[in-house]
Amino acid sequence: MAKKTRKPRVLWTKDDIRLLKSMVREKTKTSVVARKLKRTPTATRQKAAALGVKLPGTSKRKRKA
């Protein structure tokens, strides 16, 4: 059985960006934001970083030595 290929969503609309920012203000989890926007968590994190918006739970973690 062949793998299904996903059709990429190329453009972020103004409504998508507005929703992303409002959900970040409400401290919504990245996975929930991504599901609501019908995008992957990675794409959501990348767009948030490009906009300078900090998603909850995306801070750098320190590794134990």
PDB file of N, CA and C in Angstrom:
ATOM      1  N   MET A   1       0.835  -1.173   0.000  1.00  0.00           N
ATOM      2  CA  MET A   1       0.000   0.000   0.000  1.00  0.00           C
ATOM      3  C   MET A   1       0.887   1.246   0.000  1.00  0.00           C
ATOM      4  N   ALA A   2       0.606   2.153  -0.861  1.00  0.00           N
ATOM      5  CA  ALA A   2       1.416   3.368  -0.992  1.00  0.00           C
ATOM      6  C   ALA A   2       1.136   4.327   0.158  1.00  0.00           C
ATOM      7  N   LYS A   3       2.169   5.069   0.517  1.00  0.00           N
ATOM      8  CA  LYS A   3       2.023   6.080   1.558  1.00  0.00           C
ATOM      9  C   LYS A   3       1.187   7.244   1.064  1.00  0.00           C
ATOM     10  N   LYS A   4       0.366   7.759   1.936  1.00  0.00           N
ATOM     11  CA  LYS A   4      -0.403   8.943   1.567  1.00  0.00           C
ATOM     12  C   LYS A   4       0.518  10.155   1.637  1.00  0.00           C
ATOM     13  N   THR A   5       0.417  10.993   0.671  1.00  0.00           N
ATOM     14  CA  THR A   5       1.204  12.217   0.711  1.00  0.00           C
ATOM     15  C   THR A   5       0.314  13.338   1.194  1.00  0.00           C
ATOM     16  N   ARG A   6       0.865  14.184   1.999  1.00  0.00           N
ATOM     17  CA  ARG A   6       0.110  15.312   2.517  1.00  0.00           C
ATOM     18  C   ARG A   6       0.223  16.491   1.573  1.00  0.00           C
ATOM     19  N   LYS A   7      -0.850  17.208   1.460  1.00  0.00           N
ATOM     20  CA  LYS A   7      -0.832  18.409   0.646  1.00  0.00           C
ATOM     21  C   LYS A   7      -0.449  19.570   1.567  1.00  0.00           C
ATOM     22  N   PRO A   8       0.696  20.186   1.353  1.00  0.00           N
ATOM     23  CA  PRO A   8       1.127  21.240   2.260  1.00  0.00           C
ATOM     24  C   PRO A   8       0.279  22.501   2.142  1.00  0.00           C
ATOM     25  N   ARG A   9       0.021  23.111   3.296  1.00  0.00           N
ATOM     26  CA  ARG A   9      -0.651  24.401   3.296  1.00  0.00           C
ATOM     27  C   ARG A   9       0.452  25.439   3.202  1.00  0.00           C
ATOM     28  N   VAL A  10       0.492  26.141   2.140  1.00  0.00           N
ATOM     29  CA  VAL A  10       1.614  27.020   1.864  1.00  0.00           C
ATOM     30  C   VAL A  10       1.513  28.335   2.632  1.00  0.00           C
ATOM     31  N   LEU A  11       0.395  28.986   2.544  1.00  0.00           N
ATOM     32  CA  LEU A  11       0.275  30.322   3.106  1.00  0.00           C
ATOM     33  C   LEU A  11      -0.466  30.344   4.434  1.00  0.00           C
ATOM     34  N   TRP A  12      -0.004  31.210   5.314  1.00  0.00           N
ATOM     35  CA  TRP A  12      -0.705  31.468   6.562  1.00  0.00           C
ATOM     36  C   TRP A  12      -1.582  32.697   6.322  1.00  0.00           C
ATOM     37  N   THR A  13      -2.843  32.580   6.602  1.00  0.00           N
ATOM     38  CA  THR A  13      -3.748  33.717   6.434  1.00  0.00           C
ATOM     39  C   THR A  13      -3.652  34.638   7.644  1.00  0.00           C
ATOM     40  N   LYS A  14      -4.189  35.825   7.498  1.00  0.00           N
ATOM     41  CA  LYS A  14      -4.214  36.762   8.623  1.00  0.00           C
ATOM     42  C   LYS A  14      -5.022  36.196   9.775  1.00  0.00           C
ATOM     43  N   ASP A  15      -6.085  35.462   9.441  1.00  0.00           N
ATOM     44  CA  ASP A  15      -6.912  34.846  10.477  1.00  0.00           C
ATOM     45  C   ASP A  15      -6.134  33.765  11.225  1.00  0.00           C
ATOM     46  N   ASP A  16      -5.314  32.991  10.512  1.00  0.00           N
ATOM     47  CA  ASP A  16      -4.481  31.965  11.147  1.00  0.00           C
ATOM     48  C   ASP A  16      -3.517  32.611  12.144  1.00  0.00           C
ATOM     49  N   ILE A  17      -2.883  33.675  11.730  1.00  0.00           N
ATOM     50  CA  ILE A  17      -1.913  34.362  12.582  1.00  0.00           C
ATOM     51  C   ILE A  17      -2.609  34.983  13.791  1.00  0.00           C
ATOM     52  N   ARG A  18      -3.756  35.583  13.558  1.00  0.00           N
ATOM     53  CA  ARG A  18      -4.529  36.184  14.644  1.00  0.00           C
ATOM     54  C   ARG A  18      -4.929  35.120  15.677  1.00  0.00           C
ATOM     55  N   LEU A  19      -5.386  33.967  15.189  1.00  0.00           N
ATOM     56  CA  LEU A  19      -5.784  32.875  16.071  1.00  0.00           C
ATOM     57  C   LEU A  19      -4.578  32.333  16.831  1.00  0.00           C
ATOM     58  N   LEU A  20      -3.451  32.184  16.156  1.00  0.00           N
ATOM     59  CA  LEU A  20      -2.227  31.719  16.797  1.00  0.00           C
ATOM     60  C   LEU A  20      -1.842  32.635  17.945  1.00  0.00           C
ATOM     61  N   LYS A  21      -1.810  33.932  17.685  1.00  0.00           N
ATOM     62  CA  LYS A  21      -1.421  34.889  18.717  1.00  0.00           C
ATOM     63  C   LYS A  21      -2.400  34.906  19.886  1.00  0.00           C
ATOM     64  N   SER A  22      -3.696  34.823  19.596  1.00  0.00           N
ATOM     65  CA  SER A  22      -4.676  34.858  20.682  1.00  0.00           C
ATOM     66  C   SER A  22      -4.592  33.596  21.541  1.00  0.00           C
ATOM     67  N   MET A  23      -4.347  32.447  20.913  1.00  0.00           N
ATOM     68  CA  MET A  23      -4.227  31.212  21.687  1.00  0.00           C
ATOM     69  C   MET A  23      -2.947  31.183  22.515  1.00  0.00           C
ATOM     70  N   VAL A  24      -1.889  31.811  22.012  1.00  0.00           N
ATOM     71  CA  VAL A  24      -0.645  31.901  22.775  1.00  0.00           C
ATOM     72  C   VAL A  24      -0.865  32.782  24.007  1.00  0.00           C
ATOM     73  N   ARG A  25      -1.600  33.883  23.832  1.00  0.00           N
ATOM     74  CA  ARG A  25      -1.907  34.756  24.970  1.00  0.00           C
ATOM     75  C   ARG A  25      -2.673  34.006  26.055  1.00  0.00           C
ATOM     76  N   GLU A  26      -3.506  33.054  25.632  1.00  0.00           N
ATOM     77  CA  GLU A  26      -4.280  32.253  26.575  1.00  0.00           C
ATOM     78  C   GLU A  26      -3.474  31.077  27.133  1.00  0.00           C
ATOM     79  N   LYS A  27      -2.213  30.963  26.707  1.00  0.00           N
ATOM     80  CA  LYS A  27      -1.288  29.913  27.134  1.00  0.00           C
ATOM     81  C   LYS A  27      -1.805  28.519  26.788  1.00  0.00           C
ATOM     82  N   THR A  28      -2.293  28.384  25.566  1.00  0.00           N
ATOM     83  CA  THR A  28      -2.779  27.106  25.051  1.00  0.00           C
ATOM     84  C   THR A  28      -1.590  26.261  24.603  1.00  0.00           C
ATOM     85  N   LYS A  29      -1.655  24.955  24.822  1.00  0.00           N
ATOM     86  CA  LYS A  29      -0.571  24.053  24.430  1.00  0.00           C
ATOM     87  C   LYS A  29      -0.362  24.085  22.917  1.00  0.00           C
ATOM     88  N   THR A  30       0.874  23.854  22.522  1.00  0.00           N
ATOM     89  CA  THR A  30       1.236  23.867  21.103  1.00  0.00           C
ATOM     90  C   THR A  30       0.434  22.844  20.304  1.00  0.00           C
ATOM     91  N   SER A  31       0.259  21.666  20.860  1.00  0.00           N
ATOM     92  CA  SER A  31      -0.473  20.618  20.136  1.00  0.00           C
ATOM     93  C   SER A  31      -1.924  21.009  19.897  1.00  0.00           C
ATOM     94  N   VAL A  32      -2.529  21.703  20.840  1.00  0.00           N
ATOM     95  CA  VAL A  32      -3.917  22.140  20.701  1.00  0.00           C
ATOM     96  C   VAL A  32      -4.012  23.253  19.656  1.00  0.00           C
ATOM     97  N   VAL A  33      -3.068  24.174  19.699  1.00  0.00           N
ATOM     98  CA  VAL A  33      -3.032  25.264  18.715  1.00  0.00           C
ATOM     99  C   VAL A  33      -2.882  24.682  17.311  1.00  0.00           C
ATOM    100  N   ALA A  34      -1.960  23.742  17.159  1.00  0.00           N
ATOM    101  CA  ALA A  34      -1.709  23.123  15.856  1.00  0.00           C
ATOM    102  C   ALA A  34      -2.953  22.401  15.342  1.00  0.00           C
ATOM    103  N   ARG A  35      -3.624  21.685  16.215  1.00  0.00           N
ATOM    104  CA  ARG A  35      -4.828  20.966  15.807  1.00  0.00           C
ATOM    105  C   ARG A  35      -5.915  21.931  15.362  1.00  0.00           C
ATOM    106  N   LYS A  36      -6.055  23.028  16.098  1.00  0.00           N
ATOM    107  CA  LYS A  36      -7.073  24.025  15.767  1.00  0.00           C
ATOM    108  C   LYS A  36      -6.778  24.676  14.407  1.00  0.00           C
ATOM    109  N   LEU A  37      -5.491  24.899  14.114  1.00  0.00           N
ATOM    110  CA  LEU A  37      -5.091  25.520  12.858  1.00  0.00           C
ATOM    111  C   LEU A  37      -4.972  24.510  11.713  1.00  0.00           C
ATOM    112  N   LYS A  38      -5.137  23.225  12.029  1.00  0.00           N
ATOM    113  CA  LYS A  38      -4.981  22.141  11.052  1.00  0.00           C
ATOM    114  C   LYS A  38      -3.586  22.155  10.439  1.00  0.00           C
ATOM    115  N   ARG A  39      -2.601  22.281  11.321  1.00  0.00           N
ATOM    116  CA  ARG A  39      -1.192  22.272  10.930  1.00  0.00           C
ATOM    117  C   ARG A  39      -0.423  21.376  11.886  1.00  0.00           C
ATOM    118  N   THR A  40       0.811  21.068  11.532  1.00  0.00           N
ATOM    119  CA  THR A  40       1.624  20.241  12.407  1.00  0.00           C
ATOM    120  C   THR A  40       2.172  21.090  13.547  1.00  0.00           C
ATOM    121  N   PRO A  41       2.484  20.451  14.692  1.00  0.00           N
ATOM    122  CA  PRO A  41       3.093  21.202  15.795  1.00  0.00           C
ATOM    123  C   PRO A  41       4.406  21.873  15.381  1.00  0.00           C
ATOM    124  N   THR A  42       5.183  21.214  14.533  1.00  0.00           N
ATOM    125  CA  THR A  42       6.453  21.789  14.077  1.00  0.00           C
ATOM    126  C   THR A  42       6.220  23.053  13.262  1.00  0.00           C
ATOM    127  N   ALA A  43       5.263  23.009  12.346  1.00  0.00           N
ATOM    128  CA  ALA A  43       4.954  24.186  11.529  1.00  0.00           C
ATOM    129  C   ALA A  43       4.449  25.329  12.406  1.00  0.00           C
ATOM    130  N   THR A  44       3.676  24.981  13.420  1.00  0.00           N
ATOM    131  CA  THR A  44       3.143  25.996  14.333  1.00  0.00           C
ATOM    132  C   THR A  44       4.267  26.644  15.132  1.00  0.00           C
ATOM    133  N   ARG A  45       5.199  25.815  15.640  1.00  0.00           N
ATOM    134  CA  ARG A  45       6.339  26.359  16.389  1.00  0.00           C
ATOM    135  C   ARG A  45       7.206  27.254  15.509  1.00  0.00           C
ATOM    136  N   GLN A  46       7.437  26.820  14.276  1.00  0.00           N
ATOM    137  CA  GLN A  46       8.272  27.606  13.365  1.00  0.00           C
ATOM    138  C   GLN A  46       7.635  28.952  13.046  1.00  0.00           C
ATOM    139  N   LYS A  47       6.342  28.969  12.831  1.00  0.00           N
ATOM    140  CA  LYS A  47       5.656  30.231  12.520  1.00  0.00           C
ATOM    141  C   LYS A  47       5.667  31.144  13.737  1.00  0.00           C
ATOM    142  N   ALA A  48       5.452  30.578  14.908  1.00  0.00           N
ATOM    143  CA  ALA A  48       5.480  31.376  16.128  1.00  0.00           C
ATOM    144  C   ALA A  48       6.864  31.993  16.328  1.00  0.00           C
ATOM    145  N   ALA A  49       7.902  31.226  16.075  1.00  0.00           N
ATOM    146  CA  ALA A  49       9.266  31.741  16.207  1.00  0.00           C
ATOM    147  C   ALA A  49       9.520  32.853  15.192  1.00  0.00           C
ATOM    148  N   ALA A  50       9.021  32.684  13.977  1.00  0.00           N
ATOM    149  CA  ALA A  50       9.205  33.707  12.947  1.00  0.00           C
ATOM    150  C   ALA A  50       8.475  35.000  13.314  1.00  0.00           C
ATOM    151  N   LEU A  51       7.358  34.865  14.030  1.00  0.00           N
ATOM    152  CA  LEU A  51       6.595  36.045  14.452  1.00  0.00           C
ATOM    153  C   LEU A  51       7.121  36.643  15.753  1.00  0.00           C
ATOM    154  N   GLY A  52       8.038  35.925  16.401  1.00  0.00           N
ATOM    155  CA  GLY A  52       8.572  36.392  17.679  1.00  0.00           C
ATOM    156  C   GLY A  52       7.623  36.122  18.834  1.00  0.00           C
ATOM    157  N   VAL A  53       6.749  35.144  18.651  1.00  0.00           N
ATOM    158  CA  VAL A  53       5.779  34.774  19.678  1.00  0.00           C
ATOM    159  C   VAL A  53       6.303  33.538  20.395  1.00  0.00           C
ATOM    160  N   LYS A  54       6.208  33.526  21.715  1.00  0.00           N
ATOM    161  CA  LYS A  54       6.734  32.413  22.480  1.00  0.00           C
ATOM    162  C   LYS A  54       5.603  31.475  22.892  1.00  0.00           C
ATOM    163  N   LEU A  55       5.622  30.266  22.354  1.00  0.00           N
ATOM    164  CA  LEU A  55       4.617  29.269  22.698  1.00  0.00           C
ATOM    165  C   LEU A  55       4.922  28.669  24.064  1.00  0.00           C
ATOM    166  N   PRO A  56       3.896  28.293  24.810  1.00  0.00           N
ATOM    167  CA  PRO A  56       4.142  27.661  26.107  1.00  0.00           C
ATOM    168  C   PRO A  56       4.833  26.311  25.931  1.00  0.00           C
ATOM    169  N   GLY A  57       5.821  26.048  26.775  1.00  0.00           N
ATOM    170  CA  GLY A  57       6.494  24.761  26.728  1.00  0.00           C
ATOM    171  C   GLY A  57       7.559  24.631  25.664  1.00  0.00           C
ATOM    172  N   THR A  58       7.967  25.717  25.026  1.00  0.00           N
ATOM    173  CA  THR A  58       8.995  25.622  23.990  1.00  0.00           C
ATOM    174  C   THR A  58      10.315  26.231  24.446  1.00  0.00           C
ATOM    175  N   SER A  59      10.454  26.429  25.743  1.00  0.00           N
ATOM    176  CA  SER A  59      11.713  26.984  26.220  1.00  0.00           C
ATOM    177  C   SER A  59      12.790  25.897  26.166  1.00  0.00           C
ATOM    178  N   LYS A  60      14.026  26.330  26.127  1.00  0.00           N
ATOM    179  CA  LYS A  60      15.128  25.381  26.055  1.00  0.00           C
ATOM    180  C   LYS A  60      15.281  24.696  27.407  1.00  0.00           C
ATOM    181  N   ARG A  61      15.429  23.385  27.358  1.00  0.00           N
ATOM    182  CA  ARG A  61      15.603  22.615  28.578  1.00  0.00           C
ATOM    183  C   ARG A  61      17.077  22.342  28.791  1.00  0.00           C
ATOM    184  N   LYS A  62      17.470  22.359  30.042  1.00  0.00           N
ATOM    185  CA  LYS A  62      18.856  22.054  30.368  1.00  0.00           C
ATOM    186  C   LYS A  62      18.997  20.551  30.524  1.00  0.00           C
ATOM    187  N   ARG A  63      20.050  20.001  29.918  1.00  0.00           N
ATOM    188  CA  ARG A  63      20.309  18.578  30.041  1.00  0.00           C
ATOM    189  C   ARG A  63      21.134  18.309  31.266  1.00  0.00           C
ATOM    190  N   LYS A  64      20.870  17.176  31.851  1.00  0.00           N
ATOM    191  CA  LYS A  64      21.696  16.758  33.000  1.00  0.00           C
ATOM    192  C   LYS A  64      23.007  16.186  32.488  1.00  0.00           C
ATOM    193  N   ALA A  65      24.079  16.524  33.149  1.00  0.00           N
ATOM    194  CA  ALA A  65      25.393  16.066  32.721  1.00  0.00           C
ATOM    195  C   ALA A  65      25.677  14.658  33.187  1.00  0.00           C
TER     196      ALA A  65
END
